[in-house]
């Protein structure tokens, strides 16, 4: 059961981190933020709005991996 729940956490984490990362890259490299003056504010905006969901997704990935490895070690 832990393997199933770990796999679900892993899949959800990959989806959240992947979508957040792609969206952050799109915002960062959009046509309006190519000037050097916009890079500072663009990075701050991406870090605030894209960094938090990305960190949550990475945390879910690590939690899922830990559950899967724990279940494999208990079964051996």
C-alpha atoms as a PDB file:
ATOM      1  CA  UNK A   1       0.000   0.000   0.000  1.00  0.00           C
ATOM      2  CA  UNK A   2       2.898   2.342   0.737  1.00  0.00           C
ATOM      3  CA  UNK A   3       4.286   1.684  -2.741  1.00  0.00           C
ATOM      4  CA  UNK A   4       0.994   2.710  -4.333  1.00  0.00           C
ATOM      5  CA  UNK A   5       0.735   5.878  -2.239  1.00  0.00           C
ATOM      6  CA  UNK A   6       4.399   6.656  -2.901  1.00  0.00           C
ATOM      7  CA  UNK A   7       3.845   6.235  -6.627  1.00  0.00           C
ATOM      8  CA  UNK A   8       0.859   8.560  -6.512  1.00  0.00           C
ATOM      9  CA  UNK A   9       2.866  11.189  -4.626  1.00  0.00           C
ATOM     10  CA  UNK A  10       5.696  10.795  -7.108  1.00  0.00           C
ATOM     11  CA  UNK A  11       3.396  11.226 -10.119  1.00  0.00           C
ATOM     12  CA  UNK A  12       1.598  14.238  -8.655  1.00  0.00           C
ATOM     13  CA  UNK A  13       4.920  15.831  -7.707  1.00  0.00           C
ATOM     14  CA  UNK A  14       6.307  15.370 -11.224  1.00  0.00           C
ATOM     15  CA  UNK A  15       3.185  16.935 -12.734  1.00  0.00           C
ATOM     16  CA  UNK A  16       3.232  19.918 -10.368  1.00  0.00           C
ATOM     17  CA  UNK A  17       6.980  20.558 -10.658  1.00  0.00           C
ATOM     18  CA  UNK A  18       6.959  20.051 -14.432  1.00  0.00           C
ATOM     19  CA  UNK A  19       4.023  22.341 -15.089  1.00  0.00           C
ATOM     20  CA  UNK A  20       5.338  24.994 -12.721  1.00  0.00           C
ATOM     21  CA  UNK A  21       8.821  24.828 -14.218  1.00  0.00           C
ATOM     22  CA  UNK A  22       7.587  25.096 -17.792  1.00  0.00           C
ATOM     23  CA  UNK A  23       5.289  27.974 -16.923  1.00  0.00           C
ATOM     24  CA  UNK A  24       8.101  29.760 -15.080  1.00  0.00           C
ATOM     25  CA  UNK A  25      10.427  29.381 -18.049  1.00  0.00           C
ATOM     26  CA  UNK A  26       7.727  30.699 -20.374  1.00  0.00           C
ATOM     27  CA  UNK A  27       7.191  33.778 -18.226  1.00  0.00           C
ATOM     28  CA  UNK A  28      10.923  34.339 -17.796  1.00  0.00           C
ATOM     29  CA  UNK A  29      11.721  34.132 -21.506  1.00  0.00           C
ATOM     30  CA  UNK A  30       8.597  35.817 -22.845  1.00  0.00           C
ATOM     31  CA  UNK A  31       8.920  38.627 -25.377  1.00  0.00           C
ATOM     32  CA  UNK A  32       8.353  41.390 -22.821  1.00  0.00           C
ATOM     33  CA  UNK A  33      11.143  40.312 -20.469  1.00  0.00           C
ATOM     34  CA  UNK A  34      14.061  40.165 -22.902  1.00  0.00           C
ATOM     35  CA  UNK A  35      15.406  43.591 -21.970  1.00  0.00           C
ATOM     36  CA  UNK A  36      18.099  43.630 -19.263  1.00  0.00           C
ATOM     37  CA  UNK A  37      16.028  45.949 -17.063  1.00  0.00           C
ATOM     38  CA  UNK A  38      13.237  43.388 -16.834  1.00  0.00           C
ATOM     39  CA  UNK A  39      15.431  40.458 -15.762  1.00  0.00           C
ATOM     40  CA  UNK A  40      15.547  41.495 -12.106  1.00  0.00           C
ATOM     41  CA  UNK A  41      11.812  41.890 -11.713  1.00  0.00           C
ATOM     42  CA  UNK A  42      11.188  38.839 -13.892  1.00  0.00           C
ATOM     43  CA  UNK A  43      13.377  36.634 -11.723  1.00  0.00           C
ATOM     44  CA  UNK A  44      11.692  37.884  -8.555  1.00  0.00           C
ATOM     45  CA  UNK A  45       8.241  37.271 -10.037  1.00  0.00           C
ATOM     46  CA  UNK A  46       9.195  33.772 -11.182  1.00  0.00           C
ATOM     47  CA  UNK A  47      10.745  32.965  -7.804  1.00  0.00           C
ATOM     48  CA  UNK A  48       7.640  34.069  -5.914  1.00  0.00           C
ATOM     49  CA  UNK A  49       4.881  32.684  -8.122  1.00  0.00           C
ATOM     50  CA  UNK A  50       6.669  29.735  -9.696  1.00  0.00           C
ATOM     51  CA  UNK A  51       9.137  28.750  -7.020  1.00  0.00           C
ATOM     52  CA  UNK A  52       6.630  27.828  -4.346  1.00  0.00           C
ATOM     53  CA  UNK A  53       4.660  25.278  -6.428  1.00  0.00           C
ATOM     54  CA  UNK A  54       7.945  23.950  -7.836  1.00  0.00           C
ATOM     55  CA  UNK A  55       9.272  23.396  -4.310  1.00  0.00           C
ATOM     56  CA  UNK A  56       6.036  21.667  -3.296  1.00  0.00           C
ATOM     57  CA  UNK A  57       6.290  19.378  -6.336  1.00  0.00           C
ATOM     58  CA  UNK A  58       9.915  18.504  -5.570  1.00  0.00           C
ATOM     59  CA  UNK A  59       8.938  17.814  -1.959  1.00  0.00           C
ATOM     60  CA  UNK A  60       6.211  15.429  -3.113  1.00  0.00           C
ATOM     61  CA  UNK A  61       8.708  13.681  -5.376  1.00  0.00           C
ATOM     62  CA  UNK A  62      11.109  13.100  -2.486  1.00  0.00           C
ATOM     63  CA  UNK A  63       8.294  11.996  -0.165  1.00  0.00           C
ATOM     64  CA  UNK A  64       7.048   9.494  -2.741  1.00  0.00           C
ATOM     65  CA  UNK A  65      10.556   8.130  -3.334  1.00  0.00           C
ATOM     66  CA  UNK A  66      11.059   7.765   0.418  1.00  0.00           C
ATOM     67  CA  UNK A  67       7.808   5.813   0.800  1.00  0.00           C
ATOM     68  CA  UNK A  68       8.672   3.501  -2.081  1.00  0.00           C
ATOM     69  CA  UNK A  69      12.183   2.827  -0.757  1.00  0.00           C
ATOM     70  CA  UNK A  70      10.877   2.298   2.781  1.00  0.00           C
ATOM     71  CA  UNK A  71       8.357  -0.275   1.562  1.00  0.00           C
ATOM     72  CA  UNK A  72      11.018  -2.072  -0.492  1.00  0.00           C
ATOM     73  CA  UNK A  73      13.350  -2.264   2.512  1.00  0.00           C
ATOM     74  CA  UNK A  74      10.588  -3.589   4.797  1.00  0.00           C
ATOM     75  CA  UNK A  75       9.660  -6.328   2.349  1.00  0.00           C
ATOM     76  CA  UNK A  76      13.218  -7.666   1.983  1.00  0.00           C
END
